[in-house]
């Protein structure tokens, strides 16, 4: 569990969270509603993954 860090969370039943991969800096959006959920990379306006510089390999 050390590789990923939850940086944002909202909701109780209808949950949205943002997780950052500490090795690559890539941000992921986790969406859960009831018993269903899904994970996807968070993308910027150009379709590129959002990268948190603090964790980026290419600092």
C-alpha atoms as a PDB file:
ATOM      1  CA  UNK A   1       0.000   0.000   0.000  1.00  0.00           C
ATOM      2  CA  UNK A   2       3.035   2.298   0.072  1.00  0.00           C
ATOM      3  CA  UNK A   3       3.048   2.812  -3.691  1.00  0.00           C
ATOM      4  CA  UNK A   4      -0.261   4.717  -3.861  1.00  0.00           C
ATOM      5  CA  UNK A   5      -1.402   7.726  -1.837  1.00  0.00           C
ATOM      6  CA  UNK A   6      -4.998   8.924  -1.598  1.00  0.00           C
ATOM      7  CA  UNK A   7      -4.903  12.708  -2.043  1.00  0.00           C
ATOM      8  CA  UNK A   8      -8.631  13.496  -2.377  1.00  0.00           C
ATOM      9  CA  UNK A   9     -11.893  11.882  -1.319  1.00  0.00           C
ATOM     10  CA  UNK A  10     -15.558  12.879  -1.400  1.00  0.00           C
ATOM     11  CA  UNK A  11     -18.802  11.047  -0.721  1.00  0.00           C
ATOM     12  CA  UNK A  12     -19.910   8.079   1.350  1.00  0.00           C
ATOM     13  CA  UNK A  13     -22.117   5.940  -0.904  1.00  0.00           C
ATOM     14  CA  UNK A  14     -21.261   7.731  -4.153  1.00  0.00           C
ATOM     15  CA  UNK A  15     -17.462   7.921  -3.762  1.00  0.00           C
ATOM     16  CA  UNK A  16     -14.846   9.703  -5.862  1.00  0.00           C
ATOM     17  CA  UNK A  17     -11.170   9.560  -4.908  1.00  0.00           C
ATOM     18  CA  UNK A  18      -7.909  10.653  -6.494  1.00  0.00           C
ATOM     19  CA  UNK A  19      -4.895   8.402  -5.950  1.00  0.00           C
ATOM     20  CA  UNK A  20      -1.284   9.196  -6.890  1.00  0.00           C
ATOM     21  CA  UNK A  21       1.231   6.538  -7.893  1.00  0.00           C
ATOM     22  CA  UNK A  22       4.319   7.484  -5.860  1.00  0.00           C
ATOM     23  CA  UNK A  23       6.673   5.869  -8.394  1.00  0.00           C
ATOM     24  CA  UNK A  24       5.389   7.587 -11.554  1.00  0.00           C
ATOM     25  CA  UNK A  25       3.432  10.584 -10.204  1.00  0.00           C
ATOM     26  CA  UNK A  26       0.399   9.629 -12.345  1.00  0.00           C
ATOM     27  CA  UNK A  27      -2.990  10.539 -10.840  1.00  0.00           C
ATOM     28  CA  UNK A  28      -5.902   8.081 -10.978  1.00  0.00           C
ATOM     29  CA  UNK A  29      -9.607   8.661 -10.433  1.00  0.00           C
ATOM     30  CA  UNK A  30     -11.455   5.973  -8.464  1.00  0.00           C
ATOM     31  CA  UNK A  31     -15.264   6.113  -8.716  1.00  0.00           C
ATOM     32  CA  UNK A  32     -17.506   3.851  -6.645  1.00  0.00           C
ATOM     33  CA  UNK A  33     -21.285   3.751  -6.364  1.00  0.00           C
ATOM     34  CA  UNK A  34     -22.774   0.944  -4.308  1.00  0.00           C
ATOM     35  CA  UNK A  35     -21.116  -2.335  -5.255  1.00  0.00           C
ATOM     36  CA  UNK A  36     -19.653  -1.050  -8.554  1.00  0.00           C
ATOM     37  CA  UNK A  37     -16.454   0.871  -9.102  1.00  0.00           C
ATOM     38  CA  UNK A  38     -13.806   1.771 -11.627  1.00  0.00           C
ATOM     39  CA  UNK A  39     -10.310   3.221 -11.899  1.00  0.00           C
ATOM     40  CA  UNK A  40      -8.958   5.386 -14.720  1.00  0.00           C
ATOM     41  CA  UNK A  41      -5.969   7.688 -15.194  1.00  0.00           C
ATOM     42  CA  UNK A  42      -6.832  11.346 -14.730  1.00  0.00           C
ATOM     43  CA  UNK A  43      -6.168  13.203 -18.016  1.00  0.00           C
ATOM     44  CA  UNK A  44      -5.444  16.865 -18.759  1.00  0.00           C
ATOM     45  CA  UNK A  45      -6.965  18.918 -21.582  1.00  0.00           C
ATOM     46  CA  UNK A  46      -4.460  17.427 -24.080  1.00  0.00           C
ATOM     47  CA  UNK A  47      -5.305  13.820 -23.191  1.00  0.00           C
ATOM     48  CA  UNK A  48      -2.043  13.315 -21.286  1.00  0.00           C
ATOM     49  CA  UNK A  49      -1.995  11.817 -17.756  1.00  0.00           C
ATOM     50  CA  UNK A  50      -1.991  14.317 -14.902  1.00  0.00           C
ATOM     51  CA  UNK A  51       1.368  13.935 -13.135  1.00  0.00           C
ATOM     52  CA  UNK A  52       2.130  15.208  -9.642  1.00  0.00           C
ATOM     53  CA  UNK A  53       5.668  16.585  -9.958  1.00  0.00           C
ATOM     54  CA  UNK A  54       6.488  15.749  -6.333  1.00  0.00           C
ATOM     55  CA  UNK A  55       6.485  12.027  -7.263  1.00  0.00           C
ATOM     56  CA  UNK A  56       7.492  12.288 -10.917  1.00  0.00           C
ATOM     57  CA  UNK A  57      10.500  10.226 -12.019  1.00  0.00           C
ATOM     58  CA  UNK A  58      11.471  13.053 -14.408  1.00  0.00           C
ATOM     59  CA  UNK A  59      11.570  15.839 -11.778  1.00  0.00           C
END
